[in-house]
PDB file of N, CA and C in Angstrom:
ATOM      1  N   MET A   1     -98.475  47.348 -28.498  1.00  0.00           N
ATOM      2  CA  MET A   1     -98.785  47.066 -27.108  1.00  0.00           C
ATOM      3  C   MET A   1     -97.780  46.080 -26.506  1.00  0.00           C
ATOM      4  N   ILE A   2     -97.460  45.034 -27.264  1.00  0.00           N
ATOM      5  CA  ILE A   2     -96.505  44.043 -26.773  1.00  0.00           C
ATOM      6  C   ILE A   2     -95.129  44.675 -26.619  1.00  0.00           C
ATOM      7  N   ARG A   3     -94.768  45.531 -27.573  1.00  0.00           N
ATOM      8  CA  ARG A   3     -93.463  46.187 -27.514  1.00  0.00           C
ATOM      9  C   ARG A   3     -93.363  47.059 -26.262  1.00  0.00           C
ATOM     10  N   ARG A   4     -94.431  47.799 -25.959  1.00  0.00           N
ATOM     11  CA  ARG A   4     -94.439  48.665 -24.779  1.00  0.00           C
ATOM     12  C   ARG A   4     -94.325  47.832 -23.500  1.00  0.00           C
ATOM     13  N   SER A   5     -95.033  46.717 -23.431  1.00  0.00           N
ATOM     14  CA  SER A   5     -94.962  45.840 -22.260  1.00  0.00           C
ATOM     15  C   SER A   5     -93.558  45.274 -22.086  1.00  0.00           C
ATOM     16  N   ALA A   6     -92.946  44.881 -23.186  1.00  0.00           N
ATOM     17  CA  ALA A   6     -91.590  44.339 -23.119  1.00  0.00           C
ATOM     18  C   ALA A   6     -90.612  45.397 -22.628  1.00  0.00           C
ATOM     19  N   LEU A   7     -90.769  46.632 -23.085  1.00  0.00           N
ATOM     20  CA  LEU A   7     -89.890  47.710 -22.638  1.00  0.00           C
ATOM     21  C   LEU A   7     -90.070  47.983 -21.147  1.00  0.00           C
ATOM     22  N   LEU A   8     -91.313  47.948 -20.670  1.00  0.00           N
ATOM     23  CA  LEU A   8     -91.557  48.159 -19.245  1.00  0.00           C
ATOM     24  C   LEU A   8     -90.922  47.050 -18.402  1.00  0.00           C
ATOM     25  N   VAL A   9     -91.041  45.818 -18.847  1.00  0.00           N
ATOM     26  CA  VAL A   9     -90.446  44.700 -18.122  1.00  0.00           C
ATOM     27  C   VAL A   9     -88.934  44.860 -18.060  1.00  0.00           C
ATOM     28  N   LEU A  10     -88.317  45.217 -19.183  1.00  0.00           N
ATOM     29  CA  LEU A  10     -86.867  45.408 -19.212  1.00  0.00           C
ATOM     30  C   LEU A  10     -86.442  46.575 -18.327  1.00  0.00           C
ATOM     31  N   ALA A  11     -87.226  47.647 -18.324  1.00  0.00           N
ATOM     32  CA  ALA A  11     -86.883  48.812 -17.509  1.00  0.00           C
ATOM     33  C   ALA A  11     -86.925  48.468 -16.022  1.00  0.00           C
ATOM     34  N   PHE A  12     -87.963  47.741 -15.594  1.00  0.00           N
ATOM     35  CA  PHE A  12     -88.061  47.366 -14.186  1.00  0.00           C
ATOM     36  C   PHE A  12     -86.993  46.341 -13.803  1.00  0.00           C
ATOM     37  N   ALA A  13     -86.652  45.449 -14.707  1.00  0.00           N
ATOM     38  CA  ALA A  13     -85.606  44.467 -14.426  1.00  0.00           C
ATOM     39  C   ALA A  13     -84.264  45.161 -14.250  1.00  0.00           C
ATOM     40  N   ALA A  14     -83.970  46.136 -15.090  1.00  0.00           N
ATOM     41  CA  ALA A  14     -82.708  46.875 -14.983  1.00  0.00           C
ATOM     42  C   ALA A  14     -82.678  47.700 -13.701  1.00  0.00           C
ATOM     43  N   ALA A  15     -83.801  48.303 -13.330  1.00  0.00           N
ATOM     44  CA  ALA A  15     -83.849  49.100 -12.106  1.00  0.00           C
ATOM     45  C   ALA A  15     -83.668  48.209 -10.884  1.00  0.00           C
ATOM     46  N   GLY A  16     -84.214  47.015 -10.909  1.00  0.00           N
ATOM     47  CA  GLY A  16     -84.080  46.092  -9.791  1.00  0.00           C
ATOM     48  C   GLY A  16     -82.657  45.594  -9.626  1.00  0.00           C
ATOM     49  N   ALA A  17     -81.919  45.491 -10.713  1.00  0.00           N
ATOM     50  CA  ALA A  17     -80.536  45.022 -10.637  1.00  0.00           C
ATOM     51  C   ALA A  17     -79.650  46.026  -9.914  1.00  0.00           C
ATOM     52  N   ASP A  18     -79.975  47.306  -9.990  1.00  0.00           N
ATOM     53  CA  ASP A  18     -79.170  48.335  -9.343  1.00  0.00           C
ATOM     54  C   ASP A  18     -79.383  48.376  -7.835  1.00  0.00           C
ATOM     55  N   THR A  19     -80.473  47.810  -7.345  1.00  0.00           N
ATOM     56  CA  THR A  19     -80.794  47.913  -5.926  1.00  0.00           C
ATOM     57  C   THR A  19     -80.459  46.641  -5.151  1.00  0.00           C
ATOM     58  N   ALA A  20     -79.615  45.774  -5.720  1.00  0.00           N
ATOM     59  CA  ALA A  20     -79.242  44.548  -5.021  1.00  0.00           C
ATOM     60  C   ALA A  20     -78.443  44.905  -3.768  1.00  0.00           C
ATOM     61  N   PRO A  21     -78.733  44.251  -2.652  1.00  0.00           N
ATOM     62  CA  PRO A  21     -78.008  44.566  -1.415  1.00  0.00           C
ATOM     63  C   PRO A  21     -76.550  44.143  -1.510  1.00  0.00           C
ATOM     64  N   ALA A  22     -75.697  44.904  -0.858  1.00  0.00           N
ATOM     65  CA  ALA A  22     -74.273  44.581  -0.828  1.00  0.00           C
ATOM     66  C   ALA A  22     -74.050  43.389   0.097  1.00  0.00           C
ATOM     67  N   ALA A  23     -73.041  42.607  -0.204  1.00  0.00           N
ATOM     68  CA  ALA A  23     -72.726  41.454   0.638  1.00  0.00           C
ATOM     69  C   ALA A  23     -72.207  41.941   1.985  1.00  0.00           C
ATOM     70  N   VAL A  24     -72.783  41.411   3.039  1.00  0.00           N
ATOM     71  CA  VAL A  24     -72.388  41.782   4.397  1.00  0.00           C
ATOM     72  C   VAL A  24     -71.701  40.578   5.027  1.00  0.00           C
ATOM     73  N   PRO A  25     -70.514  40.767   5.593  1.00  0.00           N
ATOM     74  CA  PRO A  25     -69.849  39.629   6.229  1.00  0.00           C
ATOM     75  C   PRO A  25     -70.694  39.070   7.369  1.00  0.00           C
ATOM     76  N   SER A  26     -70.699  37.761   7.509  1.00  0.00           N
ATOM     77  CA  SER A  26     -71.470  37.148   8.591  1.00  0.00           C
ATOM     78  C   SER A  26     -70.841  37.492   9.935  1.00  0.00           C
ATOM     79  N   SER A  27     -71.616  37.347  10.989  1.00  0.00           N
ATOM     80  CA  SER A  27     -71.081  37.639  12.321  1.00  0.00           C
ATOM     81  C   SER A  27     -69.959  36.669  12.668  1.00  0.00           C
ATOM     82  N   GLU A  28     -70.027  35.444  12.121  1.00  0.00           N
ATOM     83  CA  GLU A  28     -68.957  34.473  12.364  1.00  0.00           C
ATOM     84  C   GLU A  28     -67.653  34.949  11.733  1.00  0.00           C
ATOM     85  N   THR A  29     -67.717  35.463  10.497  1.00  0.00           N
ATOM     86  CA  THR A  29     -66.519  35.970   9.827  1.00  0.00           C
ATOM     87  C   THR A  29     -65.957  37.160  10.577  1.00  0.00           C
ATOM     88  N   GLN A  30     -66.817  38.062  11.014  1.00  0.00           N
ATOM     89  CA  GLN A  30     -66.355  39.223  11.771  1.00  0.00           C
ATOM     90  C   GLN A  30     -65.699  38.780  13.072  1.00  0.00           C
ATOM     91  N   SER A  31     -66.233  37.754  13.716  1.00  0.00           N
ATOM     92  CA  SER A  31     -65.670  37.254  14.959  1.00  0.00           C
ATOM     93  C   SER A  31     -64.295  36.635  14.715  1.00  0.00           C
ATOM     94  N   LEU A  32     -64.148  35.882  13.625  1.00  0.00           N
ATOM     95  CA  LEU A  32     -62.857  35.284  13.285  1.00  0.00           C
ATOM     96  C   LEU A  32     -61.821  36.367  13.012  1.00  0.00           C
ATOM     97  N   GLU A  33     -62.235  37.420  12.305  1.00  0.00           N
ATOM     98  CA  GLU A  33     -61.323  38.533  12.019  1.00  0.00           C
ATOM     99  C   GLU A  33     -60.934  39.258  13.301  1.00  0.00           C
ATOM    100  N   ALA A  34     -61.883  39.468  14.189  1.00  0.00           N
ATOM    101  CA  ALA A  34     -61.594  40.148  15.453  1.00  0.00           C
ATOM    102  C   ALA A  34     -60.642  39.310  16.303  1.00  0.00           C
ATOM    103  N   PHE A  35     -60.838  37.994  16.326  1.00  0.00           N
ATOM    104  CA  PHE A  35     -59.944  37.123  17.090  1.00  0.00           C
ATOM    105  C   PHE A  35     -58.535  37.185  16.512  1.00  0.00           C
ATOM    106  N   ALA A  36     -58.421  37.163  15.183  1.00  0.00           N
ATOM    107  CA  ALA A  36     -57.103  37.236  14.536  1.00  0.00           C
ATOM    108  C   ALA A  36     -56.402  38.539  14.876  1.00  0.00           C
ATOM    109  N   ALA A  37     -57.138  39.639  14.876  1.00  0.00           N
ATOM    110  CA  ALA A  37     -56.541  40.942  15.181  1.00  0.00           C
ATOM    111  C   ALA A  37     -56.129  41.041  16.647  1.00  0.00           C
ATOM    112  N   ALA A  38     -56.927  40.486  17.538  1.00  0.00           N
ATOM    113  CA  ALA A  38     -56.654  40.593  18.971  1.00  0.00           C
ATOM    114  C   ALA A  38     -55.600  39.598  19.456  1.00  0.00           C
ATOM    115  N   ASN A  39     -55.328  38.563  18.664  1.00  0.00           N
ATOM    116  CA  ASN A  39     -54.382  37.517  19.072  1.00  0.00           C
ATOM    117  C   ASN A  39     -53.314  37.331  18.000  1.00  0.00           C
ATOM    118  N   ALA A  40     -52.511  38.354  17.798  1.00  0.00           N
ATOM    119  CA  ALA A  40     -51.502  38.336  16.734  1.00  0.00           C
ATOM    120  C   ALA A  40     -50.460  37.243  16.938  1.00  0.00           C
ATOM    121  N   SER A  41     -50.259  36.776  18.171  1.00  0.00           N
ATOM    122  CA  SER A  41     -49.257  35.738  18.423  1.00  0.00           C
ATOM    123  C   SER A  41     -49.814  34.324  18.250  1.00  0.00           C
ATOM    124  N   CYS A  42     -51.069  34.204  17.881  1.00  0.00           N
ATOM    125  CA  CYS A  42     -51.687  32.892  17.690  1.00  0.00           C
ATOM    126  C   CYS A  42     -51.561  32.482  16.220  1.00  0.00           C
ATOM    127  N   HIS A  43     -51.036  31.281  15.977  1.00  0.00           N
ATOM    128  CA  HIS A  43     -50.849  30.788  14.612  1.00  0.00           C
ATOM    129  C   HIS A  43     -52.084  30.030  14.112  1.00  0.00           C
ATOM    130  N   GLU A  44     -52.758  29.311  14.988  1.00  0.00           N
ATOM    131  CA  GLU A  44     -53.934  28.518  14.612  1.00  0.00           C
ATOM    132  C   GLU A  44     -54.984  28.629  15.704  1.00  0.00           C
ATOM    133  N   TRP A  45     -56.242  28.895  15.311  1.00  0.00           N
ATOM    134  CA  TRP A  45     -57.324  28.996  16.281  1.00  0.00           C
ATOM    135  C   TRP A  45     -58.558  28.318  15.727  1.00  0.00           C
ATOM    136  N   SER A  46     -59.473  27.959  16.641  1.00  0.00           N
ATOM    137  CA  SER A  46     -60.648  27.195  16.238  1.00  0.00           C
ATOM    138  C   SER A  46     -61.799  27.428  17.208  1.00  0.00           C
ATOM    139  N   ASP A  47     -63.003  27.191  16.701  1.00  0.00           N
ATOM    140  CA  ASP A  47     -64.193  27.208  17.548  1.00  0.00           C
ATOM    141  C   ASP A  47     -64.826  25.819  17.593  1.00  0.00           C
ATOM    142  N   GLY A  48     -64.072  24.812  17.161  1.00  0.00           N
ATOM    143  CA  GLY A  48     -64.586  23.451  17.120  1.00  0.00           C
ATOM    144  C   GLY A  48     -65.273  23.113  15.808  1.00  0.00           C
ATOM    145  N   CYS A  49     -65.607  24.126  15.023  1.00  0.00           N
ATOM    146  CA  CYS A  49     -66.238  23.922  13.718  1.00  0.00           C
ATOM    147  C   CYS A  49     -65.335  24.421  12.593  1.00  0.00           C
ATOM    148  N   VAL A  50     -64.737  25.558  12.810  1.00  0.00           N
ATOM    149  CA  VAL A  50     -63.869  26.208  11.830  1.00  0.00           C
ATOM    150  C   VAL A  50     -62.457  26.245  12.401  1.00  0.00           C
ATOM    151  N   VAL A  51     -61.482  25.913  11.580  1.00  0.00           N
ATOM    152  CA  VAL A  51     -60.076  26.010  11.969  1.00  0.00           C
ATOM    153  C   VAL A  51     -59.443  27.071  11.083  1.00  0.00           C
ATOM    154  N   CYS A  52     -58.776  28.045  11.702  1.00  0.00           N
ATOM    155  CA  CYS A  52     -58.117  29.121  10.963  1.00  0.00           C
ATOM    156  C   CYS A  52     -56.618  29.058  11.203  1.00  0.00           C
ATOM    157  N   VAL A  53     -55.855  29.415  10.178  1.00  0.00           N
ATOM    158  CA  VAL A  53     -54.400  29.429  10.246  1.00  0.00           C
ATOM    159  C   VAL A  53     -53.916  30.764   9.704  1.00  0.00           C
ATOM    160  N   ARG A  54     -52.974  31.366  10.416  1.00  0.00           N
ATOM    161  CA  ARG A  54     -52.390  32.630   9.965  1.00  0.00           C
ATOM    162  C   ARG A  54     -51.431  32.336   8.814  1.00  0.00           C
ATOM    163  N   ARG A  55     -51.547  33.103   7.728  1.00  0.00           N
ATOM    164  CA  ARG A  55     -50.688  32.924   6.555  1.00  0.00           C
ATOM    165  C   ARG A  55     -49.447  33.799   6.662  1.00  0.00           C
ATOM    166  N   ALA A  56     -48.479  33.532   5.819  1.00  0.00           N
ATOM    167  CA  ALA A  56     -47.221  34.287   5.825  1.00  0.00           C
ATOM    168  C   ALA A  56     -47.428  35.750   5.440  1.00  0.00           C
ATOM    169  N   ASP A  57     -48.474  36.038   4.666  1.00  0.00           N
ATOM    170  CA  ASP A  57     -48.728  37.421   4.231  1.00  0.00           C
ATOM    171  C   ASP A  57     -49.541  38.212   5.249  1.00  0.00           C
ATOM    172  N   ALA A  58     -49.617  37.734   6.483  1.00  0.00           N
ATOM    173  CA  ALA A  58     -50.322  38.381   7.596  1.00  0.00           C
ATOM    174  C   ALA A  58     -51.835  38.235   7.510  1.00  0.00           C
ATOM    175  N   GLY A  59     -52.344  37.565   6.499  1.00  0.00           N
ATOM    176  CA  GLY A  59     -53.766  37.259   6.429  1.00  0.00           C
ATOM    177  C   GLY A  59     -54.018  35.933   7.138  1.00  0.00           C
ATOM    178  N   PHE A  60     -55.215  35.400   6.976  1.00  0.00           N
ATOM    179  CA  PHE A  60     -55.497  34.084   7.538  1.00  0.00           C
ATOM    180  C   PHE A  60     -56.465  33.353   6.632  1.00  0.00           C
ATOM    181  N   ALA A  61     -56.470  32.035   6.737  1.00  0.00           N
ATOM    182  CA  ALA A  61     -57.361  31.189   5.952  1.00  0.00           C
ATOM    183  C   ALA A  61     -58.092  30.265   6.916  1.00  0.00           C
ATOM    184  N   CYS A  62     -59.377  30.031   6.619  1.00  0.00           N
ATOM    185  CA  CYS A  62     -60.198  29.197   7.500  1.00  0.00           C
ATOM    186  C   CYS A  62     -60.869  28.081   6.716  1.00  0.00           C
ATOM    187  N   SER A  63     -61.136  26.983   7.396  1.00  0.00           N
ATOM    188  CA  SER A  63     -61.872  25.874   6.805  1.00  0.00           C
ATOM    189  C   SER A  63     -63.358  26.220   6.755  1.00  0.00           C
ATOM    190  N   THR A  64     -64.115  25.388   6.070  1.00  0.00           N
ATOM    191  CA  THR A  64     -65.561  25.566   5.983  1.00  0.00           C
ATOM    192  C   THR A  64     -66.221  24.706   7.062  1.00  0.00           C
ATOM    193  N   PRO A  65     -67.146  25.284   7.843  1.00  0.00           N
ATOM    194  CA  PRO A  65     -67.771  24.491   8.909  1.00  0.00           C
ATOM    195  C   PRO A  65     -68.768  23.479   8.358  1.00  0.00           C
ATOM    196  N   GLY A  66     -68.974  22.418   9.107  1.00  0.00           N
ATOM    197  CA  GLY A  66     -69.999  21.452   8.756  1.00  0.00           C
ATOM    198  C   GLY A  66     -71.379  22.044   8.992  1.00  0.00           C
ATOM    199  N   ILE A  67     -72.381  21.510   8.346  1.00  0.00           N
ATOM    200  CA  ILE A  67     -73.721  22.087   8.409  1.00  0.00           C
ATOM    201  C   ILE A  67     -74.353  21.941   9.795  1.00  0.00           C
ATOM    202  N   ALA A  68     -74.001  20.899  10.534  1.00  0.00           N
ATOM    203  CA  ALA A  68     -74.640  20.659  11.830  1.00  0.00           C
ATOM    204  C   ALA A  68     -73.718  20.960  13.005  1.00  0.00           C
ATOM    205  N   CYS A  69     -72.705  21.753  12.782  1.00  0.00           N
ATOM    206  CA  CYS A  69     -71.737  22.028  13.842  1.00  0.00           C
ATOM    207  C   CYS A  69     -72.232  23.148  14.753  1.00  0.00           C
ATOM    208  N   THR A  70     -72.047  22.963  16.049  1.00  0.00           N
ATOM    209  CA  THR A  70     -72.368  23.995  17.029  1.00  0.00           C
ATOM    210  C   THR A  70     -71.053  24.562  17.551  1.00  0.00           C
ATOM    211  N   PRO A  71     -70.739  25.819  17.216  1.00  0.00           N
ATOM    212  CA  PRO A  71     -69.435  26.370  17.593  1.00  0.00           C
ATOM    213  C   PRO A  71     -69.297  26.608  19.091  1.00  0.00           C
ATOM    214  N   SER A  72     -68.082  26.460  19.558  1.00  0.00           N
ATOM    215  CA  SER A  72     -67.690  26.782  20.930  1.00  0.00           C
ATOM    216  C   SER A  72     -66.991  28.136  20.891  1.00  0.00           C
ATOM    217  N   PRO A  73     -66.637  28.685  22.031  1.00  0.00           N
ATOM    218  CA  PRO A  73     -65.865  29.937  22.007  1.00  0.00           C
ATOM    219  C   PRO A  73     -64.523  29.726  21.299  1.00  0.00           C
ATOM    220  N   LEU A  74     -64.071  30.742  20.589  1.00  0.00           N
ATOM    221  CA  LEU A  74     -62.795  30.667  19.882  1.00  0.00           C
ATOM    222  C   LEU A  74     -61.646  30.497  20.863  1.00  0.00           C
ATOM    223  N   ALA A  75     -60.680  29.668  20.490  1.00  0.00           N
ATOM    224  CA  ALA A  75     -59.508  29.436  21.335  1.00  0.00           C
ATOM    225  C   ALA A  75     -58.285  29.239  20.459  1.00  0.00           C
ATOM    226  N   CYS A  76     -57.145  29.709  20.937  1.00  0.00           N
ATOM    227  CA  CYS A  76     -55.876  29.533  20.235  1.00  0.00           C
ATOM    228  C   CYS A  76     -55.428  28.086  20.413  1.00  0.00           C
ATOM    229  N   LYS A  77     -55.167  27.402  19.320  1.00  0.00           N
ATOM    230  CA  LYS A  77     -54.737  26.001  19.362  1.00  0.00           C
ATOM    231  C   LYS A  77     -53.232  25.854  19.192  1.00  0.00           C
ATOM    232  N   SER A  78     -52.580  26.858  18.590  1.00  0.00           N
ATOM    233  CA  SER A  78     -51.144  26.776  18.354  1.00  0.00           C
ATOM    234  C   SER A  78     -50.560  28.182  18.311  1.00  0.00           C
ATOM    235  N   PRO A  79     -49.645  28.501  19.235  1.00  0.00           N
ATOM    236  CA  PRO A  79     -49.027  29.827  19.187  1.00  0.00           C
ATOM    237  C   PRO A  79     -48.117  29.945  17.970  1.00  0.00           C
ATOM    238  N   ALA A  80     -47.855  31.166  17.566  1.00  0.00           N
ATOM    239  CA  ALA A  80     -46.975  31.407  16.426  1.00  0.00           C
ATOM    240  C   ALA A  80     -45.579  30.910  16.756  1.00  0.00           C
ATOM    241  N   PRO A  81     -44.914  30.263  15.800  1.00  0.00           N
ATOM    242  CA  PRO A  81     -43.552  29.812  16.065  1.00  0.00           C
ATOM    243  C   PRO A  81     -42.626  31.010  16.233  1.00  0.00           C
ATOM    244  N   PRO A  82     -41.598  30.877  17.072  1.00  0.00           N
ATOM    245  CA  PRO A  82     -40.688  32.007  17.250  1.00  0.00           C
ATOM    246  C   PRO A  82     -39.950  32.309  15.952  1.00  0.00           C
ATOM    247  N   ALA A  83     -39.667  33.565  15.753  1.00  0.00           N
ATOM    248  CA  ALA A  83     -38.953  33.982  14.547  1.00  0.00           C
ATOM    249  C   ALA A  83     -37.522  33.467  14.615  1.00  0.00           C
ATOM    250  N   THR A  84     -37.064  32.916  13.521  1.00  0.00           N
ATOM    251  CA  THR A  84     -35.684  32.438  13.482  1.00  0.00           C
ATOM    252  C   THR A  84     -34.781  33.580  13.046  1.00  0.00           C
ATOM    253  N   PRO A  85     -33.725  33.834  13.801  1.00  0.00           N
ATOM    254  CA  PRO A  85     -32.841  34.938  13.427  1.00  0.00           C
ATOM    255  C   PRO A  85     -32.084  34.613  12.140  1.00  0.00           C
ATOM    256  N   ALA A  86     -31.827  35.635  11.367  1.00  0.00           N
ATOM    257  CA  ALA A  86     -31.093  35.464  10.116  1.00  0.00           C
ATOM    258  C   ALA A  86     -29.638  35.139  10.420  1.00  0.00           C
ATOM    259  N   LYS A  87     -29.096  34.196   9.682  1.00  0.00           N
ATOM    260  CA  LYS A  87     -27.695  33.823   9.886  1.00  0.00           C
ATOM    261  C   LYS A  87     -26.799  34.788   9.114  1.00  0.00           C
ATOM    262  N   PRO A  88     -25.714  35.242   9.756  1.00  0.00           N
ATOM    263  CA  PRO A  88     -24.822  36.190   9.064  1.00  0.00           C
ATOM    264  C   PRO A  88     -24.005  35.548   7.985  1.00  0.00           C
TER     265      PRO A  88
END
C-alpha cells in the first residue's frame, strides 16, 4: 500500500513538472525592447527607474529598478555617437 502511494505521488509530481508555465517577458521589458527598436539612434534611454545602454553587438543592457520606483515615460538621454570614419 505504501509503495503504491509513493508511486502515485511521484507520478503526479512528474506530471506537474511538465505543465510549468513558460516565462513571459514583463510588459516593462517589452516596452524597453520596443523603445530600443523604434529609436535606433539613441545610445542611452531611461524611464527614471531603469537606465538602458545600447551595446556594441546591437543589443542593450539595462539596470535593475528600485522596488519603490514609479517609472516615467521612456526618453532618450544620449544620442548614439557619430560613427568615426576609418583612416586609410
